[in-house]
Protein backbone atom coordinates (compact mmCIF):
# COMPACT_ATOMS: atom_id res chain seq x y z
CA UNK A 1 -13.17 -14.52 -17.02
CA UNK A 2 -9.60 -15.65 -16.59
CA UNK A 3 -8.31 -12.42 -18.14
CA UNK A 4 -10.56 -10.39 -15.82
CA UNK A 5 -9.29 -12.29 -12.79
CA UNK A 6 -5.68 -11.70 -13.78
CA UNK A 7 -6.30 -8.03 -14.43
CA UNK A 8 -8.00 -7.39 -11.10
CA UNK A 9 -5.58 -9.61 -9.19
CA UNK A 10 -2.63 -7.68 -10.59
CA UNK A 11 -3.79 -4.47 -9.00
CA UNK A 12 -4.28 -5.84 -5.52
CA UNK A 13 -8.07 -6.13 -5.39
CA UNK A 14 -9.19 -7.74 -2.14
CA UNK A 15 -10.46 -11.30 -2.39
CA UNK A 16 -14.12 -10.58 -1.72
CA UNK A 17 -14.16 -7.75 -4.25
CA UNK A 18 -12.56 -9.95 -6.88
CA UNK A 19 -15.13 -12.68 -6.31
CA UNK A 20 -18.08 -10.28 -6.45
CA UNK A 21 -16.78 -8.54 -9.59
CA UNK A 22 -16.29 -11.77 -11.56
CA UNK A 23 -19.57 -13.19 -10.31
CA UNK A 24 -21.47 -10.07 -11.36
CA UNK A 25 -19.80 -10.07 -14.78
CA UNK A 26 -20.73 -13.74 -15.32
CA UNK A 27 -24.33 -13.11 -14.25
CA UNK A 28 -24.69 -10.31 -16.81
CA UNK A 29 -23.66 -12.78 -19.54
CA UNK A 30 -26.23 -15.36 -18.41
CA UNK A 31 -23.67 -17.62 -16.73
CA UNK A 32 -23.58 -19.12 -13.25
CA UNK A 33 -20.12 -18.58 -11.81
CA UNK A 34 -18.60 -19.66 -8.48
CA UNK A 35 -15.31 -18.06 -7.51
CA UNK A 36 -12.67 -18.93 -4.95
CA UNK A 37 -9.67 -16.63 -4.72
CA UNK A 38 -6.46 -16.28 -2.77
CA UNK A 39 -3.75 -13.62 -3.16
CA UNK A 40 -1.94 -15.83 -5.69
CA UNK A 41 -4.67 -17.81 -7.47
CA UNK A 42 -8.27 -17.69 -8.65
CA UNK A 43 -10.55 -20.72 -9.17
CA UNK A 44 -13.57 -20.29 -11.46
CA UNK A 45 -16.37 -22.79 -11.85
CA UNK A 46 -18.70 -21.74 -14.68
CA UNK A 47 -22.05 -23.36 -15.55
CA UNK A 48 -23.38 -22.97 -19.10
CA UNK A 49 -26.22 -25.03 -20.56
CA UNK A 50 -25.96 -27.54 -17.73
CA UNK A 51 -22.23 -28.10 -18.26
CA UNK A 52 -19.62 -27.14 -15.69
CA UNK A 53 -16.11 -25.96 -16.49
CA UNK A 54 -13.49 -25.19 -13.86
CA UNK A 55 -10.50 -22.94 -14.44
CA UNK A 56 -7.47 -22.12 -12.37
CA UNK A 57 -5.60 -18.86 -12.92
CA UNK A 58 -2.30 -18.09 -11.26
CA UNK A 59 -2.06 -14.38 -10.38
CA UNK A 60 0.96 -12.47 -9.18
CA UNK A 61 0.69 -9.25 -7.24
CA UNK A 62 2.27 -6.61 -9.42
CA UNK A 63 2.80 -2.90 -8.95
CA UNK A 64 -0.27 -0.74 -8.38
CA UNK A 65 -1.42 0.97 -11.55
CA UNK A 66 -4.49 3.11 -10.91
CA UNK A 67 -4.67 4.34 -14.50
CA UNK A 68 -5.08 0.79 -15.79
CA UNK A 69 -7.56 0.01 -13.03
CA UNK A 70 -9.62 3.02 -14.11
CA UNK A 71 -9.55 1.89 -17.74
CA UNK A 72 -10.61 -1.62 -16.71
CA UNK A 73 -13.46 -0.12 -14.72
CA UNK A 74 -14.59 1.94 -17.74
CA UNK A 75 -14.38 -1.16 -19.94
CA UNK A 76 -16.38 -3.18 -17.43
CA UNK A 77 -19.13 -0.53 -17.51
CA UNK A 78 -19.13 -0.49 -21.32
CA UNK A 79 -19.55 -4.28 -21.53
CA UNK A 80 -22.35 -4.31 -18.96
CA UNK A 81 -24.43 -1.72 -20.83
CA UNK A 82 -23.75 -3.36 -24.20
CA UNK A 83 -21.54 -0.70 -25.81
CA UNK A 84 -18.71 -3.27 -26.08
CA UNK A 85 -19.19 -6.97 -26.82
CA UNK A 86 -17.76 -9.56 -24.41
CA UNK A 87 -15.25 -10.80 -27.00
CA UNK A 88 -14.08 -7.26 -27.76
CA UNK A 89 -13.91 -6.64 -24.02
CA UNK A 90 -11.57 -9.60 -23.53
CA UNK A 91 -9.28 -8.29 -26.26
CA UNK A 92 -9.25 -4.84 -24.67
CA UNK A 93 -8.48 -6.33 -21.24
CA UNK A 94 -5.41 -8.01 -22.72
CA UNK A 95 -4.34 -4.74 -24.32
CA UNK A 96 -4.75 -2.79 -21.10
CA UNK A 97 -2.93 -5.32 -18.94
CA UNK A 98 0.04 -5.62 -21.30
CA UNK A 99 0.53 -1.92 -21.96
CA UNK A 100 4.09 -0.85 -21.09
CA UNK A 101 4.83 1.38 -18.13
CA UNK A 102 4.91 5.03 -19.21
CA UNK A 103 6.63 6.36 -16.06
CA UNK A 104 10.42 6.68 -16.55
CA UNK A 105 12.57 4.86 -14.03
CA UNK A 106 14.31 8.05 -12.91
CA UNK A 107 10.96 9.70 -12.16
CA UNK A 108 9.81 6.71 -10.12
CA UNK A 109 13.03 6.66 -8.06
CA UNK A 110 12.95 10.42 -7.60
CA UNK A 111 9.35 10.23 -6.36
CA UNK A 112 10.30 7.61 -3.79
CA UNK A 113 13.14 9.83 -2.57
CA UNK A 114 10.90 12.89 -2.15
CA UNK A 115 8.08 10.90 -0.51
CA UNK A 116 10.65 9.46 1.93
CA UNK A 117 11.76 12.98 2.83
CA UNK A 118 8.12 13.96 3.39
CA UNK A 119 7.60 10.92 5.61
CA UNK A 120 10.54 12.06 7.75
CA UNK A 121 8.64 15.29 8.40
CA UNK A 122 5.55 13.32 9.48
CA UNK A 123 7.70 11.28 11.88
CA UNK A 124 8.99 14.45 13.54
CA UNK A 125 12.33 14.65 11.76
CA UNK A 126 14.32 17.76 10.90
CA UNK A 127 16.28 18.80 7.85
CA UNK A 128 19.03 16.22 8.43
CA UNK A 129 16.50 13.42 8.76
CA UNK A 130 14.78 14.62 5.58
CA UNK A 131 18.05 14.60 3.63
CA UNK A 132 19.03 11.16 4.94
CA UNK A 133 15.57 9.69 4.26
CA UNK A 134 15.69 11.03 0.72
CA UNK A 135 19.08 9.38 0.09
CA UNK A 136 17.89 6.09 1.60
CA UNK A 137 14.62 6.09 -0.34
CA UNK A 138 16.38 6.82 -3.62
CA UNK A 139 19.00 4.15 -2.98
CA UNK A 140 16.41 1.51 -2.16
CA UNK A 141 14.41 2.55 -5.23
CA UNK A 142 17.45 2.05 -7.47
CA UNK A 143 18.11 -1.28 -5.77
CA UNK A 144 14.55 -2.38 -6.53
CA UNK A 145 14.99 -1.53 -10.22
CA UNK A 146 18.00 -3.83 -10.60
CA UNK A 147 16.91 -6.58 -8.21
CA UNK A 148 13.47 -6.85 -9.82
CA UNK A 149 15.00 -8.02 -13.12
CA UNK A 150 16.11 -11.34 -11.59
CA UNK A 151 13.67 -13.66 -9.85
CA UNK A 152 16.19 -15.05 -7.37
CA UNK A 153 17.44 -11.59 -6.41
CA UNK A 154 13.88 -10.27 -6.23
CA UNK A 155 13.12 -12.73 -3.43
CA UNK A 156 15.80 -11.00 -1.37
CA UNK A 157 14.42 -7.51 -1.98
CA UNK A 158 12.89 -7.04 1.47
CA UNK A 159 16.04 -8.21 3.25
CA UNK A 160 18.27 -6.06 1.03
CA UNK A 161 16.00 -3.03 1.53
CA UNK A 162 16.36 -3.26 5.30
CA UNK A 163 20.09 -3.91 5.04
CA UNK A 164 20.77 -0.97 2.71
CA UNK A 165 18.50 1.39 4.65
CA UNK A 166 20.14 0.66 7.99
CA UNK A 167 23.66 0.75 6.59
CA UNK A 168 23.17 4.08 4.82
CA UNK A 169 21.32 5.59 7.78
CA UNK A 170 24.26 4.98 10.12
CA UNK A 171 26.95 5.76 7.56
CA UNK A 172 25.42 9.19 6.98
CA UNK A 173 26.20 10.11 10.59
CA UNK A 174 29.85 10.32 9.47
CA UNK A 175 28.90 12.86 6.76
CA UNK A 176 26.15 15.03 8.20
CA UNK A 177 26.85 14.61 11.90
CA UNK A 178 24.66 13.32 14.72
CA UNK A 179 20.96 12.99 13.90
CA UNK A 180 18.18 10.39 14.35
CA UNK A 181 19.04 7.45 12.03
CA UNK A 182 15.98 5.46 13.09
CA UNK A 183 13.63 8.19 11.78
CA UNK A 184 15.51 8.42 8.48
CA UNK A 185 15.64 4.64 8.07
CA UNK A 186 11.90 4.08 8.57
CA UNK A 187 11.01 7.07 6.41
CA UNK A 188 13.38 5.86 3.69
CA UNK A 189 11.65 2.50 3.32
CA UNK A 190 8.10 3.59 4.17
CA UNK A 191 6.91 2.91 0.61
CA UNK A 192 8.11 -0.70 0.86
CA UNK A 193 6.66 -1.49 4.32
CA UNK A 194 3.53 -3.66 3.84
CA UNK A 195 1.20 -1.72 6.11
CA UNK A 196 -1.52 -1.59 3.45
CA UNK A 197 -1.24 -5.33 2.85
CA UNK A 198 -1.64 -5.90 6.59
CA UNK A 199 -4.79 -3.75 6.63
CA UNK A 200 -6.20 -5.55 3.57
CA UNK A 201 -5.63 -8.91 5.25
CA UNK A 202 -7.51 -7.81 8.36
CA UNK A 203 -10.36 -6.50 6.19
CA UNK A 204 -10.62 -9.88 4.49
CA UNK A 205 -10.59 -11.70 7.83
CA UNK A 206 -13.27 -9.36 9.18
CA UNK A 207 -15.48 -10.09 6.15
CA UNK A 208 -14.97 -13.86 6.62
CA UNK A 209 -12.57 -14.36 3.70
CA UNK A 210 -10.45 -16.48 5.99
CA UNK A 211 -8.19 -18.24 3.47
CA UNK A 212 -7.27 -15.13 1.53
CA UNK A 213 -6.95 -12.99 4.65
CA UNK A 214 -4.73 -15.51 6.42
CA UNK A 215 -2.46 -15.90 3.40
CA UNK A 216 -2.13 -12.14 2.98
CA UNK A 217 -1.51 -11.67 6.71
CA UNK A 218 1.29 -14.25 6.79
CA UNK A 219 2.79 -12.70 3.67
CA UNK A 220 2.84 -9.25 5.29
CA UNK A 221 4.40 -10.62 8.48
CA UNK A 222 7.10 -12.38 6.47
CA UNK A 223 7.99 -9.13 4.72
CA UNK A 224 8.24 -7.43 8.11
CA UNK A 225 10.54 -10.20 9.33
CA UNK A 226 12.82 -10.03 6.30
CA UNK A 227 13.09 -6.25 6.41
CA UNK A 228 13.65 -6.26 10.16
CA UNK A 229 16.38 -8.88 9.91
CA UNK A 230 18.05 -6.92 7.12
CA UNK A 231 17.94 -3.75 9.23
CA UNK A 232 19.43 -5.61 12.20
CA UNK A 233 22.31 -6.91 10.08
CA UNK A 234 22.91 -3.42 8.67
CA UNK A 235 22.93 -1.85 12.13
CA UNK A 236 25.35 -4.43 13.49
CA UNK A 237 27.71 -4.22 10.51
CA UNK A 238 27.86 -0.41 10.68
CA UNK A 239 28.74 -0.45 14.39
CA UNK A 240 31.36 -3.18 13.96
CA UNK A 241 33.32 -1.52 11.16
CA UNK A 242 32.98 2.17 12.08
CA UNK A 243 33.10 4.44 15.10
CA UNK A 244 29.69 6.04 14.88
CA UNK A 245 28.32 8.91 16.99
CA UNK A 246 25.28 8.40 19.15
CA UNK A 247 21.91 9.28 17.68
CA UNK A 248 20.18 12.44 18.90
CA UNK A 249 16.60 13.59 19.14
CA UNK A 250 15.39 15.21 15.90
CA UNK A 251 14.39 18.85 15.82
CA UNK A 252 10.80 19.18 14.67
CA UNK A 253 10.08 21.56 11.84
CA UNK A 254 7.36 24.20 11.72
CA UNK A 255 3.76 23.28 10.89
CA UNK A 256 4.12 24.68 7.39
CA UNK A 257 6.50 21.82 6.55
CA UNK A 258 3.76 19.28 7.36
CA UNK A 259 1.35 21.00 4.98
CA UNK A 260 3.98 21.14 2.24
CA UNK A 261 5.00 17.50 2.82
CA UNK A 262 1.37 16.32 2.64
CA UNK A 263 0.72 18.23 -0.58
CA UNK A 264 3.93 17.06 -2.28
CA UNK A 265 3.36 13.44 -1.21
CA UNK A 266 -0.17 13.47 -2.62
CA UNK A 267 1.06 14.73 -5.99
CA UNK A 268 3.86 12.17 -6.11
CA UNK A 269 1.41 9.37 -5.32
CA UNK A 270 0.02 10.05 -8.80
CA UNK A 271 3.41 8.97 -10.20
CA UNK A 272 4.09 6.13 -7.77
CA UNK A 273 0.66 4.57 -8.27
CA UNK A 274 0.54 5.28 -12.01
CA UNK A 275 -2.67 7.28 -11.71
CA UNK A 276 -4.00 9.83 -14.18
CA UNK A 277 -3.34 13.49 -13.44
CA UNK A 278 -7.06 14.17 -13.74
CA UNK A 279 -7.42 12.20 -10.48
CA UNK A 280 -4.73 14.22 -8.67
CA UNK A 281 -7.19 16.57 -6.97
CA UNK A 282 -9.04 13.64 -5.40
CA UNK A 283 -5.79 12.10 -4.15
CA UNK A 284 -4.66 15.43 -2.65
CA UNK A 285 -8.03 15.84 -0.93
CA UNK A 286 -7.82 12.29 0.47
CA UNK A 287 -4.33 12.88 1.88
CA UNK A 288 -5.37 16.07 3.65
CA UNK A 289 -8.56 14.49 4.99
CA UNK A 290 -6.45 11.62 6.31
CA UNK A 291 -3.71 13.84 7.74
CA UNK A 292 -5.86 16.40 9.52
CA UNK A 293 -8.68 13.99 10.26
CA UNK A 294 -6.27 11.78 12.20
CA UNK A 295 -4.98 14.79 14.14
CA UNK A 296 -8.51 15.87 15.05
CA UNK A 297 -9.65 12.34 15.83
CA UNK A 298 -6.67 11.37 17.97
CA UNK A 299 -6.73 14.68 19.88
CA UNK A 300 -10.46 14.42 20.67
CA UNK A 301 -11.21 10.68 20.78
CA UNK A 302 -7.92 8.95 21.51
CA UNK A 303 -5.63 6.94 19.21
CA UNK A 304 -7.79 3.92 18.40
CA UNK A 305 -11.14 5.67 17.89
CA UNK A 306 -9.37 8.57 16.20
CA UNK A 307 -7.93 6.21 13.58
CA UNK A 308 -11.34 4.57 13.16
CA UNK A 309 -12.95 8.00 12.69
CA UNK A 310 -10.38 9.03 10.08
CA UNK A 311 -10.64 5.74 8.17
CA UNK A 312 -14.39 6.24 8.07
CA UNK A 313 -13.94 9.76 6.68
CA UNK A 314 -11.55 8.51 4.00
CA UNK A 315 -13.92 5.64 3.16
CA UNK A 316 -16.90 8.00 2.82
CA UNK A 317 -14.82 10.33 0.65
CA UNK A 318 -13.78 7.41 -1.56
CA UNK A 319 -17.34 6.18 -2.02
CA UNK A 320 -18.61 9.70 -2.77
CA UNK A 321 -15.80 10.22 -5.27
CA UNK A 322 -16.65 6.93 -6.97
CA UNK A 323 -20.34 7.81 -7.22
CA UNK A 324 -19.83 11.38 -8.41
CA UNK A 325 -16.99 10.72 -10.88
CA UNK A 326 -17.95 7.13 -11.85
CA UNK A 327 -14.41 5.96 -11.14
CA UNK A 328 -12.88 3.33 -8.82
CA UNK A 329 -12.95 4.35 -5.15
CA UNK A 330 -9.43 2.91 -4.82
CA UNK A 331 -8.10 6.05 -6.52
CA UNK A 332 -8.94 8.02 -3.38
CA UNK A 333 -8.83 5.27 -0.76
CA UNK A 334 -5.28 4.16 -1.47
CA UNK A 335 -3.43 7.46 -0.82
CA UNK A 336 -5.70 8.27 2.11
CA UNK A 337 -5.16 4.94 3.84
CA UNK A 338 -1.40 5.05 3.27
CA UNK A 339 -1.29 7.98 5.69
CA UNK A 340 -2.94 5.81 8.34
CA UNK A 341 -1.71 2.24 7.98
CA UNK A 342 0.45 1.05 10.91
CA UNK A 343 3.40 -0.11 8.81
CA UNK A 344 6.04 1.96 10.60
CA UNK A 345 4.77 0.77 14.00
CA UNK A 346 5.05 -2.84 12.85
CA UNK A 347 8.62 -2.30 11.70
CA UNK A 348 9.53 -0.60 14.98
CA UNK A 349 8.00 -3.41 17.04
CA UNK A 350 10.05 -5.96 15.11
CA UNK A 351 13.21 -3.98 15.77
CA UNK A 352 12.39 -3.99 19.48
CA UNK A 353 12.14 -7.79 19.42
CA UNK A 354 15.49 -8.03 17.63
CA UNK A 355 17.02 -5.69 20.23
CA UNK A 356 15.61 -8.04 22.91
CA UNK A 357 13.20 -5.42 24.22
CA UNK A 358 10.44 -8.03 24.34
CA UNK A 359 7.91 -6.17 26.49
CA UNK A 360 7.94 -2.96 24.44
CA UNK A 361 8.00 -4.99 21.23
CA UNK A 362 4.92 -6.93 22.31
CA UNK A 363 3.09 -3.75 23.28
CA UNK A 364 3.92 -2.17 19.94
CA UNK A 365 2.87 -5.29 18.01
CA UNK A 366 -0.49 -5.40 19.81
CA UNK A 367 -0.90 -1.71 19.01
CA UNK A 368 -0.36 -2.46 15.32
CA UNK A 369 -3.22 -4.96 15.25
CA UNK A 370 -5.50 -2.67 17.28
CA UNK A 371 -4.91 0.19 14.83
CA UNK A 372 -5.42 -2.22 11.94
CA UNK A 373 -8.75 -3.29 13.45
CA UNK A 374 -9.73 0.38 13.86
CA UNK A 375 -9.00 0.97 10.18
CA UNK A 376 -11.12 -2.02 9.18
CA UNK A 377 -14.08 -0.94 11.31
CA UNK A 378 -13.86 2.59 9.95
CA UNK A 379 -13.93 1.36 6.35
CA UNK A 380 -16.84 -0.99 7.01
CA UNK A 381 -18.79 1.82 8.68
CA UNK A 382 -18.07 4.05 5.69
CA UNK A 383 -19.70 1.48 3.39
CA UNK A 384 -22.80 1.60 5.60
CA UNK A 385 -22.95 5.40 5.63
CA UNK A 386 -22.34 5.78 1.89
CA UNK A 387 -22.81 2.46 0.06
CA UNK A 388 -20.05 1.87 -2.50
CA UNK A 389 -20.84 2.42 -6.18
CA UNK A 390 -19.75 -1.15 -6.88
CA UNK A 391 -17.06 -3.57 -5.78
CA UNK A 392 -14.20 -1.62 -7.42
């Protein structure tokens, strides 16, 4: 049980899903299990033959690895139907969790750089914004590789990401001329902005997992604060030490660039999320459903209901994929939701507060939570329309 909790906790499973999964597993083995989970710990109380045993497992949120999550899901199915014994299943869980990362560091950093360039296209940037976002994303990716090796430095990662992104964004105006640094900066760190964590926290709060949802929400807000403060310091330092040109409005690219950016991003999500290439078609489909569904929904129903409509479409697609392919719905949900989560809006609202534009910052912050609520409602409606295969 402890190994299962660690395995699922590592890959960011929401609190209620973790509790239901462990409880179901215990029930299949003839045990009575009560679970209480937070983003950083899991408490298990197990009854067997009238005796109670309570366990505490400390879990740390690691990088998303969809390939391992799929293997854990397959192992879970095998244990439930009796093809694998519980003891053998525990050994296999340990093997899966401790398998080394097979994605080379250079490929991971390169994927971040290209996804950042694609995000610049989504934000209305031109070729200069794409180039700058790619440089920023790659630089922050390299920074994460070195900072992550030291616990004390790792705690400064969010601040350093904002600092480096802002500094490079403004310094590039001296090399490539006037452009829109704000677009390049947000696109360059889009992978690191905790928009998905914010949405997960609101989902947990909506499903009455108050402790876990509150903890995750505060964690996401703290990351926003650290990144925003780092960006503010980087902006100020660049303007103090250099004579920088004023930013200009970006020149939007043709529609074909959006299609190309969506397709490339979906393929690179396979690398960034450590998925299997056999799942690539589902991830590409989810990205396009999210991208064009949001355009259709916003144009016809308005921003809030349009986001809710698109989240529902992505949720239905994820549940159908899980039922048809017998794989975790997260494989499809994750890339689809990343196109919708309001992370960039949250970062922009924080910058407005730092720039003392309180009214606009407050309006933007309220918009973030409204969009987050729309995402949650859409996902919950999707589970009603097409019930999920199981909690994964």
